Amino acid sequence: MCLIIGTAGQNIGQPTEVTAMEGAIVQIKCTYQTTGFNGLSWYQQRDGKAPTFLSYNVLDGLEEKGHFSSFLNRSKRYSYLLVKELQMKDSASYLCAVRDTVTMRPL
């Protein structure tokens, strides 16, 4: 099984491909370099389909959501997505996206 990894946002790094066996636990890491940070999202995208939202982290630590979990470390600027008990249906592209902090100024 092969999981293809992609990125979105500014200065984000991810591996390009992960190969694993069914039933395995897969960890996909995402690093980012941004001055303003307002959260990190993970998405799954299957061939020809729109990305599907998996998780959103604002605070440090682990967010568990069934089959998928995500971890965020803001000081070291990385996150990872855990896929537990890998199945064939998990074969997809996984995208991370950083939301920059937006500063509003009067016109």
PDB file of N, CA and C in Angstrom:
ATOM      1  N   MET A   1       0.843  -1.174   0.000  1.00  0.00           N
ATOM      2  CA  MET A   1       0.000   0.000   0.000  1.00  0.00           C
ATOM      3  C   MET A   1       0.885   1.231   0.000  1.00  0.00           C
ATOM      4  N   CYS A   2       0.457   2.224  -0.714  1.00  0.00           N
ATOM      5  CA  CYS A   2       1.235   3.444  -0.861  1.00  0.00           C
ATOM      6  C   CYS A   2       0.363   4.646  -0.516  1.00  0.00           C
ATOM      7  N   LEU A   3       0.875   5.512   0.342  1.00  0.00           N
ATOM      8  CA  LEU A   3       0.185   6.749   0.676  1.00  0.00           C
ATOM      9  C   LEU A   3       0.989   7.892   0.080  1.00  0.00           C
ATOM     10  N   ILE A   4       0.363   8.713  -0.724  1.00  0.00           N
ATOM     11  CA  ILE A   4       1.040   9.848  -1.340  1.00  0.00           C
ATOM     12  C   ILE A   4       0.762  11.085  -0.493  1.00  0.00           C
ATOM     13  N   ILE A   5       1.799  11.845  -0.227  1.00  0.00           N
ATOM     14  CA  ILE A   5       1.689  12.976   0.671  1.00  0.00           C
ATOM     15  C   ILE A   5       1.849  14.276  -0.113  1.00  0.00           C
ATOM     16  N   GLY A   6       1.073  15.301   0.262  1.00  0.00           N
ATOM     17  CA  GLY A   6       1.183  16.602  -0.385  1.00  0.00           C
ATOM     18  C   GLY A   6       1.151  17.706   0.647  1.00  0.00           C
ATOM     19  N   THR A   7       1.326  18.937   0.196  1.00  0.00           N
ATOM     20  CA  THR A   7       1.333  20.056   1.126  1.00  0.00           C
ATOM     21  C   THR A   7       0.510  21.220   0.602  1.00  0.00           C
ATOM     22  N   ALA A   8       0.130  22.081   1.525  1.00  0.00           N
ATOM     23  CA  ALA A   8      -0.538  23.330   1.165  1.00  0.00           C
ATOM     24  C   ALA A   8      -0.086  24.382   2.161  1.00  0.00           C
ATOM     25  N   GLY A   9      -0.036  25.625   1.764  1.00  0.00           N
ATOM     26  CA  GLY A   9       0.372  26.680   2.681  1.00  0.00           C
ATOM     27  C   GLY A   9       1.790  27.144   2.405  1.00  0.00           C
ATOM     28  N   GLN A  10       2.352  27.926   3.320  1.00  0.00           N
ATOM     29  CA  GLN A  10       3.672  28.507   3.132  1.00  0.00           C
ATOM     30  C   GLN A  10       4.746  27.676   3.814  1.00  0.00           C
ATOM     31  N   ASN A  11       5.820  27.365   3.092  1.00  0.00           N
ATOM     32  CA  ASN A  11       6.988  26.692   3.648  1.00  0.00           C
ATOM     33  C   ASN A  11       6.644  25.478   4.493  1.00  0.00           C
ATOM     34  N   ILE A  12       5.932  24.545   3.895  1.00  0.00           N
ATOM     35  CA  ILE A  12       5.545  23.314   4.572  1.00  0.00           C
ATOM     36  C   ILE A  12       6.300  22.167   3.939  1.00  0.00           C
ATOM     37  N   GLY A  13       6.771  21.244   4.773  1.00  0.00           N
ATOM     38  CA  GLY A  13       7.499  20.094   4.254  1.00  0.00           C
ATOM     39  C   GLY A  13       6.873  18.794   4.702  1.00  0.00           C
ATOM     40  N   GLN A  14       6.755  17.853   3.773  1.00  0.00           N
ATOM     41  CA  GLN A  14       6.247  16.516   4.056  1.00  0.00           C
ATOM     42  C   GLN A  14       7.004  15.527   3.186  1.00  0.00           C
ATOM     43  N   PRO A  15       7.053  14.257   3.604  1.00  0.00           N
ATOM     44  CA  PRO A  15       7.622  13.244   2.709  1.00  0.00           C
ATOM     45  C   PRO A  15       6.728  13.112   1.480  1.00  0.00           C
ATOM     46  N   THR A  16       7.277  12.656   0.371  1.00  0.00           N
ATOM     47  CA  THR A  16       6.477  12.547  -0.842  1.00  0.00           C
ATOM     48  C   THR A  16       5.714  11.237  -0.930  1.00  0.00           C
ATOM     49  N   GLU A  17       6.179  10.203  -0.243  1.00  0.00           N
ATOM     50  CA  GLU A  17       5.511   8.907  -0.347  1.00  0.00           C
ATOM     51  C   GLU A  17       5.816   8.057   0.882  1.00  0.00           C
ATOM     52  N   VAL A  18       4.817   7.316   1.328  1.00  0.00           N
ATOM     53  CA  VAL A  18       4.970   6.368   2.433  1.00  0.00           C
ATOM     54  C   VAL A  18       4.391   5.043   1.978  1.00  0.00           C
ATOM     55  N   THR A  19       5.124   3.961   2.200  1.00  0.00           N
ATOM     56  CA  THR A  19       4.635   2.630   1.851  1.00  0.00           C
ATOM     57  C   THR A  19       4.528   1.809   3.125  1.00  0.00           C
ATOM     58  N   ALA A  20       3.406   1.117   3.322  1.00  0.00           N
ATOM     59  CA  ALA A  20       3.201   0.334   4.541  1.00  0.00           C
ATOM     60  C   ALA A  20       2.271  -0.837   4.261  1.00  0.00           C
ATOM     61  N   MET A  21       2.267  -1.792   5.176  1.00  0.00           N
ATOM     62  CA  MET A  21       1.424  -2.981   5.071  1.00  0.00           C
ATOM     63  C   MET A  21       0.078  -2.726   5.753  1.00  0.00           C
ATOM     64  N   GLU A  22      -0.942  -3.450   5.315  1.00  0.00           N
ATOM     65  CA  GLU A  22      -2.246  -3.370   5.981  1.00  0.00           C
ATOM     66  C   GLU A  22      -2.088  -3.745   7.445  1.00  0.00           C
ATOM     67  N   GLY A  23      -2.832  -3.051   8.304  1.00  0.00           N
ATOM     68  CA  GLY A  23      -2.788  -3.313   9.737  1.00  0.00           C
ATOM     69  C   GLY A  23      -1.723  -2.523  10.469  1.00  0.00           C
ATOM     70  N   ALA A  24      -0.827  -1.884   9.733  1.00  0.00           N
ATOM     71  CA  ALA A  24       0.259  -1.116  10.350  1.00  0.00           C
ATOM     72  C   ALA A  24      -0.256   0.221  10.879  1.00  0.00           C
ATOM     73  N   ILE A  25       0.561   0.851  11.703  1.00  0.00           N
ATOM     74  CA  ILE A  25       0.320   2.226  12.136  1.00  0.00           C
ATOM     75  C   ILE A  25       1.279   3.098  11.337  1.00  0.00           C
ATOM     76  N   VAL A  26       0.750   4.102  10.658  1.00  0.00           N
ATOM     77  CA  VAL A  26       1.569   4.975   9.821  1.00  0.00           C
ATOM     78  C   VAL A  26       1.596   6.371  10.430  1.00  0.00           C
ATOM     79  N   GLN A  27       2.787   6.952  10.473  1.00  0.00           N
ATOM     80  CA  GLN A  27       2.962   8.317  10.966  1.00  0.00           C
ATOM     81  C   GLN A  27       3.455   9.182   9.813  1.00  0.00           C
ATOM     82  N   ILE A  28       2.728  10.250   9.514  1.00  0.00           N
ATOM     83  CA  ILE A  28       3.083  11.171   8.437  1.00  0.00           C
ATOM     84  C   ILE A  28       3.411  12.515   9.074  1.00  0.00           C
ATOM     85  N   LYS A  29       4.632  12.979   8.879  1.00  0.00           N
ATOM     86  CA  LYS A  29       5.079  14.215   9.520  1.00  0.00           C
ATOM     87  C   LYS A  29       4.952  15.406   8.582  1.00  0.00           C
ATOM     88  N   CYS A  30       4.619  16.542   9.168  1.00  0.00           N
ATOM     89  CA  CYS A  30       4.510  17.809   8.444  1.00  0.00           C
ATOM     90  C   CYS A  30       5.277  18.862   9.244  1.00  0.00           C
ATOM     91  N   THR A  31       6.248  19.506   8.618  1.00  0.00           N
ATOM     92  CA  THR A  31       6.961  20.603   9.269  1.00  0.00           C
ATOM     93  C   THR A  31       6.553  21.909   8.588  1.00  0.00           C
ATOM     94  N   TYR A  32       6.625  22.994   9.328  1.00  0.00           N
ATOM     95  CA  TYR A  32       6.231  24.283   8.747  1.00  0.00           C
ATOM     96  C   TYR A  32       7.115  25.397   9.286  1.00  0.00           C
ATOM     97  N   GLN A  33       7.249  26.450   8.508  1.00  0.00           N
ATOM     98  CA  GLN A  33       7.993  27.649   8.889  1.00  0.00           C
ATOM     99  C   GLN A  33       7.099  28.840   8.583  1.00  0.00           C
ATOM    100  N   THR A  34       6.472  29.358   9.588  1.00  0.00           N
ATOM    101  CA  THR A  34       5.613  30.523   9.400  1.00  0.00           C
ATOM    102  C   THR A  34       5.706  31.392  10.639  1.00  0.00           C
ATOM    103  N   THR A  35       5.644  32.693  10.469  1.00  0.00           N
ATOM    104  CA  THR A  35       5.761  33.599  11.604  1.00  0.00           C
ATOM    105  C   THR A  35       4.450  33.711  12.370  1.00  0.00           C
ATOM    106  N   GLY A  36       3.346  33.668  11.664  1.00  0.00           N
ATOM    107  CA  GLY A  36       2.039  33.707  12.309  1.00  0.00           C
ATOM    108  C   GLY A  36       1.410  32.335  12.229  1.00  0.00           C
ATOM    109  N   PHE A  37       0.869  31.854  13.324  1.00  0.00           N
ATOM    110  CA  PHE A  37       0.286  30.511  13.322  1.00  0.00           C
ATOM    111  C   PHE A  37      -1.087  30.557  13.965  1.00  0.00           C
ATOM    112  N   ASN A  38      -2.074  30.013  13.252  1.00  0.00           N
ATOM    113  CA  ASN A  38      -3.426  29.986  13.789  1.00  0.00           C
ATOM    114  C   ASN A  38      -4.063  28.616  13.579  1.00  0.00           C
ATOM    115  N   GLY A  39      -3.233  27.574  13.552  1.00  0.00           N
ATOM    116  CA  GLY A  39      -3.760  26.221  13.445  1.00  0.00           C
ATOM    117  C   GLY A  39      -3.220  25.452  12.251  1.00  0.00           C
ATOM    118  N   LEU A  40      -3.288  24.122  12.360  1.00  0.00           N
ATOM    119  CA  LEU A  40      -2.832  23.233  11.298  1.00  0.00           C
ATOM    120  C   LEU A  40      -3.911  22.195  11.035  1.00  0.00           C
ATOM    121  N   SER A  41      -4.238  22.017   9.767  1.00  0.00           N
ATOM    122  CA  SER A  41      -5.277  21.065   9.357  1.00  0.00           C
ATOM    123  C   SER A  41      -4.661  19.916   8.577  1.00  0.00           C
ATOM    124  N   TRP A  42      -5.297  18.750   8.681  1.00  0.00           N
ATOM    125  CA  TRP A  42      -4.950  17.579   7.873  1.00  0.00           C
ATOM    126  C   TRP A  42      -6.157  17.205   7.021  1.00  0.00           C
ATOM    127  N   TYR A  43      -5.875  16.819   5.772  1.00  0.00           N
ATOM    128  CA  TYR A  43      -6.914  16.412   4.827  1.00  0.00           C
ATOM    129  C   TYR A  43      -6.502  15.118   4.136  1.00  0.00           C
ATOM    130  N   GLN A  44      -7.497  14.364   3.718  1.00  0.00           N
ATOM    131  CA  GLN A  44      -7.279  13.175   2.896  1.00  0.00           C
ATOM    132  C   GLN A  44      -7.881  13.462   1.524  1.00  0.00           C
ATOM    133  N   GLN A  45      -7.130  13.131   0.462  1.00  0.00           N
ATOM    134  CA  GLN A  45      -7.649  13.340  -0.890  1.00  0.00           C
ATOM    135  C   GLN A  45      -7.470  12.071  -1.714  1.00  0.00           C
ATOM    136  N   ARG A  46      -8.598  11.519  -2.143  1.00  0.00           N
ATOM    137  CA  ARG A  46      -8.571  10.350  -3.025  1.00  0.00           C
ATOM    138  C   ARG A  46      -8.599  10.829  -4.470  1.00  0.00           C
ATOM    139  N   ASP A  47      -8.145   9.965  -5.391  1.00  0.00           N
ATOM    140  CA  ASP A  47      -8.065  10.317  -6.816  1.00  0.00           C
ATOM    141  C   ASP A  47      -9.352  10.950  -7.336  1.00  0.00           C
ATOM    142  N   GLY A  48      -9.215  12.121  -7.951  1.00  0.00           N
ATOM    143  CA  GLY A  48     -10.336  12.778  -8.597  1.00  0.00           C
ATOM    144  C   GLY A  48     -11.377  13.370  -7.672  1.00  0.00           C
ATOM    145  N   LYS A  49     -11.125  13.363  -6.374  1.00  0.00           N
ATOM    146  CA  LYS A  49     -12.103  13.870  -5.398  1.00  0.00           C
ATOM    147  C   LYS A  49     -11.550  15.110  -4.698  1.00  0.00           C
ATOM    148  N   ALA A  50     -12.448  15.872  -4.108  1.00  0.00           N
ATOM    149  CA  ALA A  50     -12.039  17.015  -3.298  1.00  0.00           C
ATOM    150  C   ALA A  50     -11.445  16.515  -1.983  1.00  0.00           C
ATOM    151  N   PRO A  51     -10.527  17.273  -1.373  1.00  0.00           N
ATOM    152  CA  PRO A  51      -9.975  16.866  -0.076  1.00  0.00           C
ATOM    153  C   PRO A  51     -11.068  16.764   0.986  1.00  0.00           C
ATOM    154  N   THR A  52     -10.906  15.789   1.879  1.00  0.00           N
ATOM    155  CA  THR A  52     -11.818  15.584   3.003  1.00  0.00           C
ATOM    156  C   THR A  52     -11.094  15.975   4.287  1.00  0.00           C
ATOM    157  N   PHE A  53     -11.726  16.805   5.108  1.00  0.00           N
ATOM    158  CA  PHE A  53     -11.135  17.252   6.371  1.00  0.00           C
ATOM    159  C   PHE A  53     -10.979  16.082   7.340  1.00  0.00           C
ATOM    160  N   LEU A  54      -9.791  15.995   7.981  1.00  0.00           N
ATOM    161  CA  LEU A  54      -9.545  14.964   8.991  1.00  0.00           C
ATOM    162  C   LEU A  54      -9.406  15.547  10.389  1.00  0.00           C
ATOM    163  N   SER A  55      -8.601  16.602  10.538  1.00  0.00           N
ATOM    164  CA  SER A  55      -8.377  17.152  11.878  1.00  0.00           C
ATOM    165  C   SER A  55      -7.862  18.586  11.805  1.00  0.00           C
ATOM    166  N   TYR A  56      -7.974  19.283  12.946  1.00  0.00           N
ATOM    167  CA  TYR A  56      -7.489  20.649  13.072  1.00  0.00           C
ATOM    168  C   TYR A  56      -6.891  20.803  14.458  1.00  0.00           C
ATOM    169  N   ASN A  57      -5.620  21.211  14.530  1.00  0.00           N
ATOM    170  CA  ASN A  57      -4.939  21.414  15.807  1.00  0.00           C
ATOM    171  C   ASN A  57      -4.558  22.877  15.963  1.00  0.00           C
ATOM    172  N   VAL A  58      -4.862  23.441  17.127  1.00  0.00           N
ATOM    173  CA  VAL A  58      -4.428  24.786  17.477  1.00  0.00           C
ATOM    174  C   VAL A  58      -3.481  24.708  18.665  1.00  0.00           C
ATOM    175  N   LEU A  59      -3.772  23.804  19.587  1.00  0.00           N
ATOM    176  CA  LEU A  59      -2.976  23.641  20.802  1.00  0.00           C
ATOM    177  C   LEU A  59      -2.048  22.442  20.678  1.00  0.00           C
ATOM    178  N   ASP A  60      -0.937  22.488  21.419  1.00  0.00           N
ATOM    179  CA  ASP A  60      -0.004  21.364  21.445  1.00  0.00           C
ATOM    180  C   ASP A  60      -0.682  20.112  21.981  1.00  0.00           C
ATOM    181  N   GLY A  61      -0.237  18.972  21.478  1.00  0.00           N
ATOM    182  CA  GLY A  61      -0.726  17.699  21.998  1.00  0.00           C
ATOM    183  C   GLY A  61      -1.419  16.862  20.947  1.00  0.00           C
ATOM    184  N   LEU A  62      -1.992  15.769  21.422  1.00  0.00           N
ATOM    185  CA  LEU A  62      -2.608  14.768  20.561  1.00  0.00           C
ATOM    186  C   LEU A  62      -4.119  14.949  20.512  1.00  0.00           C
ATOM    187  N   GLU A  63      -4.660  14.923  19.306  1.00  0.00           N
ATOM    188  CA  GLU A  63      -6.109  14.941  19.082  1.00  0.00           C
ATOM    189  C   GLU A  63      -6.480  13.598  18.472  1.00  0.00           C
ATOM    190  N   GLU A  64      -7.257  12.801  19.192  1.00  0.00           N
ATOM    191  CA  GLU A  64      -7.646  11.488  18.676  1.00  0.00           C
ATOM    192  C   GLU A  64      -9.037  11.568  18.068  1.00  0.00           C
ATOM    193  N   LYS A  65      -9.159  10.986  16.879  1.00  0.00           N
ATOM    194  CA  LYS A  65     -10.430  11.031  16.160  1.00  0.00           C
ATOM    195  C   LYS A  65     -10.624   9.698  15.446  1.00  0.00           C
ATOM    196  N   GLY A  66     -10.895   8.657  16.222  1.00  0.00           N
ATOM    197  CA  GLY A  66     -11.135   7.340  15.644  1.00  0.00           C
ATOM    198  C   GLY A  66      -9.918   6.752  14.972  1.00  0.00           C
ATOM    199  N   HIS A  67     -10.043   6.487  13.687  1.00  0.00           N
ATOM    200  CA  HIS A  67      -9.006   5.854  12.865  1.00  0.00           C
ATOM    201  C   HIS A  67      -7.781   6.756  12.673  1.00  0.00           C
ATOM    202  N   PHE A  68      -7.984   8.074  12.782  1.00  0.00           N
ATOM    203  CA  PHE A  68      -6.913   9.051  12.588  1.00  0.00           C
ATOM    204  C   PHE A  68      -6.666   9.826  13.878  1.00  0.00           C
ATOM    205  N   SER A  69      -5.399  10.143  14.138  1.00  0.00           N
ATOM    206  CA  SER A  69      -5.026  11.020  15.244  1.00  0.00           C
ATOM    207  C   SER A  69      -4.018  12.022  14.714  1.00  0.00           C
ATOM    208  N   SER A  70      -3.998  13.209  15.301  1.00  0.00           N
ATOM    209  CA  SER A  70      -3.002  14.199  14.892  1.00  0.00           C
ATOM    210  C   SER A  70      -2.341  14.794  16.125  1.00  0.00           C
ATOM    211  N   PHE A  71      -1.068  15.119  15.976  1.00  0.00           N
ATOM    212  CA  PHE A  71      -0.262  15.664  17.061  1.00  0.00           C
ATOM    213  C   PHE A  71       0.356  16.967  16.583  1.00  0.00           C
ATOM    214  N   LEU A  72       0.423  17.962  17.471  1.00  0.00           N
ATOM    215  CA  LEU A  72       1.014  19.256  17.128  1.00  0.00           C
ATOM    216  C   LEU A  72       2.041  19.657  18.175  1.00  0.00           C
ATOM    217  N   ASN A  73       3.208  20.130  17.709  1.00  0.00           N
ATOM    218  CA  ASN A  73       4.229  20.724  18.566  1.00  0.00           C
ATOM    219  C   ASN A  73       4.552  22.090  17.967  1.00  0.00           C
ATOM    220  N   ARG A  74       3.980  23.138  18.556  1.00  0.00           N
ATOM    221  CA  ARG A  74       4.136  24.486  17.994  1.00  0.00           C
ATOM    222  C   ARG A  74       5.553  25.028  18.147  1.00  0.00           C
ATOM    223  N   SER A  75       6.222  24.744  19.275  1.00  0.00           N
ATOM    224  CA  SER A  75       7.567  25.291  19.485  1.00  0.00           C
ATOM    225  C   SER A  75       8.576  24.718  18.495  1.00  0.00           C
ATOM    226  N   LYS A  76       8.413  23.452  18.113  1.00  0.00           N
ATOM    227  CA  LYS A  76       9.321  22.827  17.137  1.00  0.00           C
ATOM    228  C   LYS A  76       8.744  22.852  15.723  1.00  0.00           C
ATOM    229  N   ARG A  77       7.560  23.413  15.586  1.00  0.00           N
ATOM    230  CA  ARG A  77       6.905  23.638  14.292  1.00  0.00           C
ATOM    231  C   ARG A  77       6.735  22.360  13.466  1.00  0.00           C
ATOM    232  N   TYR A  78       6.087  21.394  14.081  1.00  0.00           N
ATOM    233  CA  TYR A  78       5.752  20.191  13.318  1.00  0.00           C
ATOM    234  C   TYR A  78       4.452  19.585  13.823  1.00  0.00           C
ATOM    235  N   SER A  79       3.879  18.769  12.966  1.00  0.00           N
ATOM    236  CA  SER A  79       2.683  18.000  13.288  1.00  0.00           C
ATOM    237  C   SER A  79       2.852  16.638  12.650  1.00  0.00           C
ATOM    238  N   TYR A  80       2.148  15.665  13.180  1.00  0.00           N
ATOM    239  CA  TYR A  80       2.080  14.406  12.459  1.00  0.00           C
ATOM    240  C   TYR A  80       0.680  13.834  12.534  1.00  0.00           C
ATOM    241  N   LEU A  81       0.357  13.097  11.494  1.00  0.00           N
ATOM    242  CA  LEU A  81      -0.919  12.403  11.392  1.00  0.00           C
ATOM    243  C   LEU A  81      -0.643  10.925  11.590  1.00  0.00           C
ATOM    244  N   LEU A  82      -1.388  10.289  12.481  1.00  0.00           N
ATOM    245  CA  LEU A  82      -1.291   8.847  12.698  1.00  0.00           C
ATOM    246  C   LEU A  82      -2.491   8.177  12.063  1.00  0.00           C
ATOM    247  N   VAL A  83      -2.229   7.162  11.262  1.00  0.00           N
ATOM    248  CA  VAL A  83      -3.292   6.336  10.696  1.00  0.00           C
ATOM    249  C   VAL A  83      -3.166   4.981  11.371  1.00  0.00           C
ATOM    250  N   LYS A  84      -4.179   4.612  12.156  1.00  0.00           N
ATOM    251  CA  LYS A  84      -4.136   3.354  12.908  1.00  0.00           C
ATOM    252  C   LYS A  84      -4.777   2.226  12.114  1.00  0.00           C
ATOM    253  N   GLU A  85      -4.207   1.035  12.239  1.00  0.00           N
ATOM    254  CA  GLU A  85      -4.738  -0.154  11.559  1.00  0.00           C
ATOM    255  C   GLU A  85      -5.022   0.149  10.089  1.00  0.00           C
ATOM    256  N   LEU A  86      -3.964   0.449   9.377  1.00  0.00           N
ATOM    257  CA  LEU A  86      -4.029   0.837   7.970  1.00  0.00           C
ATOM    258  C   LEU A  86      -4.843  -0.147   7.139  1.00  0.00           C
ATOM    259  N   GLN A  87      -5.718   0.399   6.301  1.00  0.00           N
ATOM    260  CA  GLN A  87      -6.567  -0.401   5.417  1.00  0.00           C
ATOM    261  C   GLN A  87      -6.372   0.079   3.979  1.00  0.00           C
ATOM    262  N   MET A  88      -6.768  -0.757   3.021  1.00  0.00           N
ATOM    263  CA  MET A  88      -6.638  -0.381   1.611  1.00  0.00           C
ATOM    264  C   MET A  88      -7.357   0.934   1.304  1.00  0.00           C
ATOM    265  N   LYS A  89      -8.480   1.182   1.974  1.00  0.00           N
ATOM    266  CA  LYS A  89      -9.233   2.414   1.711  1.00  0.00           C
ATOM    267  C   LYS A  89      -8.474   3.669   2.152  1.00  0.00           C
ATOM    268  N   ASP A  90      -7.384   3.487   2.922  1.00  0.00           N
ATOM    269  CA  ASP A  90      -6.571   4.623   3.357  1.00  0.00           C
ATOM    270  C   ASP A  90      -5.567   5.065   2.299  1.00  0.00           C
ATOM    271  N   SER A  91      -5.488   4.317   1.196  1.00  0.00           N
ATOM    272  CA  SER A  91      -4.570   4.680   0.119  1.00  0.00           C
ATOM    273  C   SER A  91      -5.071   5.970  -0.530  1.00  0.00           C
ATOM    274  N   ALA A  92      -4.341   7.066  -0.307  1.00  0.00           N
ATOM    275  CA  ALA A  92      -4.785   8.393  -0.735  1.00  0.00           C
ATOM    276  C   ALA A  92      -3.637   9.372  -0.573  1.00  0.00           C
ATOM    277  N   SER A  93      -3.873  10.611  -0.948  1.00  0.00           N
ATOM    278  CA  SER A  93      -2.944  11.703  -0.653  1.00  0.00           C
ATOM    279  C   SER A  93      -3.369  12.331   0.662  1.00  0.00           C
ATOM    280  N   TYR A  94      -2.398  12.696   1.485  1.00  0.00           N
ATOM    281  CA  TYR A  94      -2.667  13.347   2.758  1.00  0.00           C
ATOM    282  C   TYR A  94      -1.998  14.710   2.742  1.00  0.00           C
ATOM    283  N   LEU A  95      -2.784  15.742   3.014  1.00  0.00           N
ATOM    284  CA  LEU A  95      -2.325  17.119   2.911  1.00  0.00           C
ATOM    285  C   LEU A  95      -2.358  17.793   4.269  1.00  0.00           C
ATOM    286  N   CYS A  96      -1.317  18.565   4.574  1.00  0.00           N
ATOM    287  CA  CYS A  96      -1.375  19.413   5.762  1.00  0.00           C
ATOM    288  C   CYS A  96      -1.387  20.858   5.299  1.00  0.00           C
ATOM    289  N   ALA A  97      -2.068  21.696   6.038  1.00  0.00           N
ATOM    290  CA  ALA A  97      -2.180  23.116   5.687  1.00  0.00           C
ATOM    291  C   ALA A  97      -2.104  23.946   6.954  1.00  0.00           C
ATOM    292  N   VAL A  98      -1.253  24.963   6.939  1.00  0.00           N
ATOM    293  CA  VAL A  98      -1.115  25.863   8.083  1.00  0.00           C
ATOM    294  C   VAL A  98      -1.934  27.112   7.819  1.00  0.00           C
ATOM    295  N   ARG A  99      -2.680  27.504   8.825  1.00  0.00           N
ATOM    296  CA  ARG A  99      -3.458  28.743   8.728  1.00  0.00           C
ATOM    297  C   ARG A  99      -2.660  29.841   9.409  1.00  0.00           C
ATOM    298  N   ASP A 100      -2.235  30.835   8.636  1.00  0.00           N
ATOM    299  CA  ASP A 100      -1.492  31.962   9.190  1.00  0.00           C
ATOM    300  C   ASP A 100      -2.415  32.863   9.994  1.00  0.00           C
ATOM    301  N   THR A 101      -1.830  33.567  10.950  1.00  0.00           N
ATOM    302  CA  THR A 101      -2.581  34.548  11.712  1.00  0.00           C
ATOM    303  C   THR A 101      -2.865  35.750  10.816  1.00  0.00           C
ATOM    304  N   VAL A 102      -4.087  36.208  10.832  1.00  0.00           N
ATOM    305  CA  VAL A 102      -4.482  37.355  10.014  1.00  0.00           C
ATOM    306  C   VAL A 102      -4.645  38.561  10.926  1.00  0.00           C
ATOM    307  N   THR A 103      -3.998  39.646  10.566  1.00  0.00           N
ATOM    308  CA  THR A 103      -4.121  40.888  11.327  1.00  0.00           C
ATOM    309  C   THR A 103      -5.008  41.846  10.548  1.00  0.00           C
ATOM    310  N   MET A 104      -6.047  42.324  11.199  1.00  0.00           N
ATOM    311  CA  MET A 104      -6.974  43.255  10.556  1.00  0.00           C
ATOM    312  C   MET A 104      -6.533  44.685  10.865  1.00  0.00           C
ATOM    313  N   ARG A 105      -6.541  45.529   9.830  1.00  0.00           N
ATOM    314  CA  ARG A 105      -6.222  46.944  10.000  1.00  0.00           C
ATOM    315  C   ARG A 105      -7.341  47.780   9.414  1.00  0.00           C
ATOM    316  N   PRO A 106      -7.647  48.905  10.033  1.00  0.00           N
ATOM    317  CA  PRO A 106      -8.683  49.772   9.462  1.00  0.00           C
ATOM    318  C   PRO A 106      -8.225  50.322   8.119  1.00  0.00           C
ATOM    319  N   LEU A 107      -9.186  50.547   7.236  1.00  0.00           N
ATOM    320  CA  LEU A 107      -8.866  51.099   5.909  1.00  0.00           C
ATOM    321  C   LEU A 107      -8.588  52.574   5.978  1.00  0.00           C
TER     322      LEU A 107
END
